[in-house]
N, C-alpha and C. Protein backbone atom coordinates (compact mmCIF):
# COMPACT_ATOMS: atom_id res chain seq x y z
N ALA A 1 13.97 -10.99 -19.85
CA ALA A 1 12.28 -10.81 -19.54
C ALA A 1 11.81 -9.30 -19.49
N ALA A 2 12.52 -8.93 -18.18
CA ALA A 2 12.25 -7.46 -17.95
C ALA A 2 12.45 -6.55 -19.24
N GLU A 3 13.61 -6.80 -19.75
CA GLU A 3 13.64 -6.00 -21.49
C GLU A 3 12.16 -6.02 -22.07
N SER A 4 11.89 -7.45 -22.24
CA SER A 4 10.74 -7.55 -23.02
C SER A 4 9.47 -6.87 -22.46
N ILE A 5 9.35 -6.41 -21.06
CA ILE A 5 8.26 -5.69 -20.81
C ILE A 5 8.76 -4.25 -20.97
N TYR A 6 9.97 -3.97 -20.94
CA TYR A 6 10.05 -2.51 -21.28
C TYR A 6 9.57 -2.04 -22.91
N ASP A 7 10.25 -3.45 -23.63
CA ASP A 7 9.70 -3.05 -25.45
C ASP A 7 8.59 -3.25 -25.24
N MET A 8 7.61 -3.91 -24.80
CA MET A 8 6.02 -4.20 -24.71
C MET A 8 5.39 -2.61 -24.51
N VAL A 9 5.94 -2.21 -23.16
CA VAL A 9 5.23 -0.88 -22.99
C VAL A 9 5.55 0.40 -24.18
N ARG A 10 7.01 0.17 -24.23
CA ARG A 10 7.64 1.46 -25.34
C ARG A 10 6.56 1.34 -26.45
N LYS A 11 6.21 -0.26 -26.95
CA LYS A 11 5.60 0.17 -28.13
C LYS A 11 4.18 0.50 -27.89
N LYS A 12 3.51 0.28 -26.85
CA LYS A 12 2.18 0.60 -26.44
C LYS A 12 2.22 2.01 -26.36
N PHE A 13 3.04 2.50 -25.90
CA PHE A 13 2.97 4.18 -25.53
C PHE A 13 3.56 4.77 -26.79
N ASN A 14 3.81 4.21 -27.68
CA ASN A 14 4.32 4.74 -28.77
C ASN A 14 3.46 6.02 -29.41
N GLY A 15 3.62 7.23 -29.73
CA GLY A 15 2.82 8.26 -30.27
C GLY A 15 2.15 8.76 -29.05
N ARG A 16 2.74 8.48 -28.02
CA ARG A 16 2.04 9.24 -26.61
C ARG A 16 3.16 9.72 -26.12
N LYS A 17 3.55 11.08 -26.14
CA LYS A 17 4.82 11.89 -25.68
C LYS A 17 4.55 11.81 -24.14
N LYS A 18 3.67 11.75 -23.53
CA LYS A 18 3.34 12.30 -22.02
C LYS A 18 3.77 10.54 -21.58
N ALA A 19 3.26 9.36 -21.99
CA ALA A 19 3.57 8.14 -21.35
C ALA A 19 4.83 7.78 -21.65
N LEU A 20 5.50 8.18 -22.70
CA LEU A 20 6.77 7.51 -22.94
C LEU A 20 7.81 8.57 -22.02
N GLU A 21 7.78 9.80 -22.06
CA GLU A 21 8.63 10.27 -20.90
C GLU A 21 8.08 9.92 -19.61
N ALA A 22 7.08 9.57 -19.23
CA ALA A 22 7.05 8.86 -17.85
C ALA A 22 7.60 7.51 -17.94
N LEU A 23 7.75 6.83 -18.87
CA LEU A 23 8.38 5.68 -19.05
C LEU A 23 9.90 5.79 -18.61
N ASP A 24 10.69 6.84 -19.64
CA ASP A 24 12.17 7.00 -19.50
C ASP A 24 12.19 7.65 -18.10
N ALA A 25 11.39 8.61 -17.73
CA ALA A 25 11.75 9.27 -16.31
C ALA A 25 11.75 8.06 -15.01
N ALA A 26 11.11 6.91 -15.17
CA ALA A 26 11.12 6.02 -13.98
C ALA A 26 12.15 5.09 -13.95
N GLN A 27 12.81 5.04 -14.92
CA GLN A 27 14.19 4.23 -14.92
C GLN A 27 15.02 4.26 -14.02
N GLY A 28 15.18 3.38 -13.10
CA GLY A 28 16.16 3.65 -11.98
C GLY A 28 15.89 4.10 -10.94
N LYS A 29 14.47 4.72 -10.73
CA LYS A 29 13.74 5.31 -9.51
C LYS A 29 13.44 4.68 -8.49
N PRO A 30 13.17 4.75 -7.16
CA PRO A 30 12.76 3.89 -6.32
C PRO A 30 11.16 3.81 -6.70
N LYS A 31 10.51 2.58 -6.15
CA LYS A 31 9.34 2.18 -6.51
C LYS A 31 8.38 3.29 -6.29
N ASP A 32 8.57 4.22 -4.94
CA ASP A 32 7.38 4.95 -4.65
C ASP A 32 7.79 6.82 -5.11
N SER A 33 8.75 6.84 -6.04
CA SER A 33 9.13 7.85 -6.33
C SER A 33 7.70 8.43 -7.32
N PRO A 34 7.91 9.64 -7.26
CA PRO A 34 6.81 10.34 -8.24
C PRO A 34 6.82 10.19 -9.76
N GLU A 35 8.15 9.70 -10.54
CA GLU A 35 8.19 9.38 -11.71
C GLU A 35 7.60 7.77 -12.02
N VAL A 36 8.03 6.94 -10.71
CA VAL A 36 7.21 5.56 -10.71
C VAL A 36 5.87 5.73 -10.89
N LEU A 37 5.31 6.32 -9.89
CA LEU A 37 3.67 6.68 -10.02
C LEU A 37 3.44 7.08 -11.04
N ALA A 38 3.88 7.98 -11.73
CA ALA A 38 3.20 8.78 -12.95
C ALA A 38 3.20 7.40 -13.91
N LEU A 39 4.37 6.79 -13.99
CA LEU A 39 4.28 5.69 -15.06
C LEU A 39 3.18 4.57 -14.70
N ALA A 40 2.74 4.40 -13.52
CA ALA A 40 1.99 3.52 -13.19
C ALA A 40 0.45 3.93 -13.60
N GLN A 41 0.13 5.39 -13.34
CA GLN A 41 -0.94 6.08 -13.77
C GLN A 41 -1.31 5.75 -15.44
N GLU A 42 -0.08 5.91 -16.11
CA GLU A 42 0.01 5.80 -17.69
C GLU A 42 -0.35 4.23 -17.99
N LEU A 43 0.69 3.22 -17.34
CA LEU A 43 -0.13 1.82 -17.31
C LEU A 43 -1.47 1.70 -17.14
N ASP A 44 -1.93 2.13 -15.98
CA ASP A 44 -3.43 2.05 -15.49
C ASP A 44 -4.54 2.22 -16.58
N MET A 45 -4.10 3.32 -17.26
CA MET A 45 -5.09 4.08 -18.41
C MET A 45 -4.74 3.36 -19.46
N ALA A 46 -3.44 2.63 -20.06
CA ALA A 46 -3.42 1.77 -21.30
C ALA A 46 -4.44 0.56 -20.74
N GLU A 47 -3.95 -0.09 -19.73
CA GLU A 47 -4.83 -1.04 -19.16
C GLU A 47 -6.19 -1.04 -19.60
N ALA A 48 -6.71 -0.22 -19.11
CA ALA A 48 -8.04 0.03 -18.85
C ALA A 48 -8.68 0.37 -20.59
N TYR A 49 -8.18 0.72 -21.47
CA TYR A 49 -8.56 0.96 -22.62
C TYR A 49 -8.19 -0.41 -23.36
N ASP A 50 -7.16 -1.20 -23.11
CA ASP A 50 -6.96 -2.40 -23.84
C ASP A 50 -6.48 -3.68 -23.45
N GLU A 51 -7.80 -4.41 -23.25
CA GLU A 51 -7.68 -5.63 -22.24
C GLU A 51 -6.66 -6.42 -22.33
N ARG A 52 -6.13 -6.70 -23.67
CA ARG A 52 -5.53 -7.77 -24.25
C ARG A 52 -3.94 -7.09 -23.69
N PHE A 53 -3.72 -5.87 -23.89
CA PHE A 53 -2.52 -5.36 -23.20
C PHE A 53 -2.40 -5.63 -22.03
N LYS A 54 -3.14 -5.59 -21.37
CA LYS A 54 -3.18 -6.09 -19.88
C LYS A 54 -2.94 -6.94 -19.51
N GLU A 55 -3.50 -8.03 -20.07
CA GLU A 55 -3.31 -9.95 -20.14
C GLU A 55 -1.89 -9.99 -20.16
N GLN A 56 -1.53 -9.44 -21.45
CA GLN A 56 -0.08 -9.74 -22.02
C GLN A 56 1.17 -8.98 -21.01
N LEU A 57 0.76 -7.96 -20.65
CA LEU A 57 1.60 -7.23 -19.72
C LEU A 57 1.83 -7.99 -18.26
N ARG A 58 0.46 -8.32 -17.36
CA ARG A 58 0.67 -8.68 -16.64
C ARG A 58 1.19 -9.98 -16.52
N ALA A 59 0.87 -10.88 -17.45
CA ALA A 59 1.46 -12.30 -17.57
C ALA A 59 3.15 -12.10 -17.97
N GLU A 60 3.64 -11.29 -18.85
CA GLU A 60 4.84 -11.36 -18.62
C GLU A 60 5.38 -11.09 -17.24
N TRP A 61 4.76 -10.03 -16.63
CA TRP A 61 5.35 -9.48 -15.20
C TRP A 61 5.35 -10.72 -14.46
N ALA A 62 4.39 -11.61 -14.36
CA ALA A 62 4.47 -12.87 -13.60
C ALA A 62 5.63 -13.85 -14.03
N THR A 63 6.11 -13.59 -15.28
CA THR A 63 7.25 -14.53 -15.66
C THR A 63 8.39 -13.91 -14.83
N VAL A 64 8.65 -12.32 -14.86
CA VAL A 64 9.32 -11.80 -14.53
C VAL A 64 9.90 -12.23 -13.22
N GLN A 65 8.56 -12.15 -12.29
CA GLN A 65 8.73 -12.51 -10.99
C GLN A 65 8.89 -13.88 -10.26
N THR A 66 8.51 -15.10 -10.94
CA THR A 66 9.28 -16.33 -11.24
C THR A 66 10.39 -16.26 -11.37
N GLN A 67 11.10 -15.75 -12.16
CA GLN A 67 12.52 -15.98 -12.54
C GLN A 67 13.19 -15.41 -11.26
N ALA A 68 12.90 -14.19 -10.98
CA ALA A 68 13.49 -13.59 -9.99
C ALA A 68 13.42 -14.30 -8.40
N SER A 69 12.21 -15.20 -8.47
CA SER A 69 12.32 -15.83 -7.27
C SER A 69 13.19 -17.25 -7.14
N ASP A 70 13.06 -17.73 -8.38
CA ASP A 70 13.49 -18.92 -8.48
C ASP A 70 14.91 -18.94 -8.40
N SER A 71 15.63 -17.85 -9.04
CA SER A 71 17.12 -17.58 -8.76
C SER A 71 17.67 -17.93 -7.33
N GLY A 72 16.74 -17.52 -6.23
CA GLY A 72 16.89 -17.85 -4.74
C GLY A 72 17.03 -19.54 -4.36
N GLY A 73 16.49 -20.21 -5.13
CA GLY A 73 16.54 -21.91 -4.59
C GLY A 73 15.40 -22.35 -4.28
N SER A 74 14.16 -21.23 -4.23
CA SER A 74 13.16 -21.60 -3.36
C SER A 74 11.94 -22.11 -4.59
N ALA A 75 10.91 -22.58 -4.44
CA ALA A 75 9.99 -23.20 -5.26
C ALA A 75 9.24 -22.18 -5.80
N SER A 76 8.55 -22.09 -7.07
CA SER A 76 8.10 -21.12 -7.50
C SER A 76 6.77 -21.97 -8.56
N ASN A 77 5.85 -21.71 -8.27
CA ASN A 77 4.51 -22.35 -9.10
C ASN A 77 3.72 -21.35 -9.82
N THR A 78 3.62 -21.47 -11.20
CA THR A 78 2.73 -20.41 -11.57
C THR A 78 1.62 -20.95 -12.23
N ILE A 79 0.29 -20.63 -12.30
CA ILE A 79 -0.77 -21.08 -13.03
C ILE A 79 -1.60 -20.10 -13.23
N THR A 80 -1.77 -20.10 -15.16
CA THR A 80 -2.67 -19.03 -15.47
C THR A 80 -3.78 -19.70 -16.18
N GLY A 81 -4.91 -18.88 -16.23
CA GLY A 81 -6.06 -19.72 -17.06
C GLY A 81 -6.68 -20.30 -16.05
N PRO A 82 -7.89 -20.99 -16.70
CA PRO A 82 -9.24 -21.11 -15.77
C PRO A 82 -8.25 -22.69 -15.31
N VAL A 83 -8.42 -22.98 -14.07
CA VAL A 83 -8.23 -24.31 -13.50
C VAL A 83 -9.56 -25.26 -13.22
N THR A 84 -9.56 -26.31 -13.70
CA THR A 84 -10.21 -27.32 -13.24
C THR A 84 -9.86 -28.67 -12.53
N GLY A 85 -10.55 -29.25 -11.80
CA GLY A 85 -9.81 -30.39 -11.14
C GLY A 85 -9.05 -30.03 -10.23
N ASN A 86 -8.35 -30.91 -9.81
CA ASN A 86 -7.17 -30.84 -8.76
C ASN A 86 -6.03 -30.43 -9.33
N MET A 87 -5.32 -29.64 -8.11
CA MET A 87 -4.18 -28.97 -8.55
C MET A 87 -3.34 -28.77 -6.95
N VAL A 88 -1.71 -29.27 -7.19
CA VAL A 88 -1.12 -28.86 -5.79
C VAL A 88 0.19 -27.93 -6.08
N GLN A 89 0.55 -27.06 -5.19
CA GLN A 89 1.54 -26.33 -5.61
C GLN A 89 2.51 -26.72 -4.53
N ALA A 90 3.84 -27.33 -4.59
CA ALA A 90 4.64 -27.82 -3.78
C ALA A 90 6.03 -27.83 -4.33
N ARG A 91 7.02 -27.96 -3.10
CA ARG A 91 8.38 -27.65 -3.65
C ARG A 91 8.64 -29.50 -3.42
N ASP A 92 9.16 -29.77 -2.37
CA ASP A 92 9.78 -31.13 -2.34
C ASP A 92 8.72 -31.92 -1.84
N ILE A 93 8.34 -33.10 -2.53
CA ILE A 93 7.25 -33.84 -2.13
C ILE A 93 7.99 -35.60 -2.00
N HIS A 94 7.75 -36.13 -0.83
CA HIS A 94 8.37 -37.34 -0.41
C HIS A 94 6.75 -38.39 -0.34
N GLY A 95 6.18 -39.09 -1.25
CA GLY A 95 5.88 -39.83 -0.97
C GLY A 95 4.22 -39.35 -1.55
N ASP A 96 3.23 -39.96 -1.28
CA ASP A 96 1.76 -39.99 -2.33
C ASP A 96 1.62 -38.95 -2.22
N ILE A 97 0.38 -38.28 -3.31
CA ILE A 97 -0.55 -37.13 -3.20
C ILE A 97 -1.88 -37.87 -3.58
N ARG A 98 -2.94 -37.73 -2.84
CA ARG A 98 -3.74 -37.99 -2.68
C ARG A 98 -4.95 -36.82 -3.00
N PHE A 99 -6.14 -37.07 -4.01
CA PHE A 99 -7.31 -36.44 -3.69
C PHE A 99 -8.50 -37.23 -3.57
N GLY A 100 -9.53 -36.41 -2.76
CA GLY A 100 -10.92 -37.32 -2.71
C GLY A 100 -10.50 -38.07 -1.47
N SER A 101 -11.32 -39.20 -1.31
CA SER A 101 -11.45 -40.26 -0.34
C SER A 101 -10.73 -41.59 -0.94
């Protein structure tokens, strides 16, 4: 999934030399490095101009984060979009779940 994020960003940055350089420079760097911060600025700019890209990027990132947390045996619940009605996020449930009175 992380590769798909990279590919998505690379495609979005196509034709933007500075943005592509930031993407390449950030690989393998610590999250607080100047290279990663420069990439974050380029991503912020891309998201500001393209709401669809922003939504796709954040959805893909949520998927990556979920997969990473799932590998440790923990529970992970992800809900996207508007939610109406009742919803429960839980791991191991023993017994009933009831809403209302």
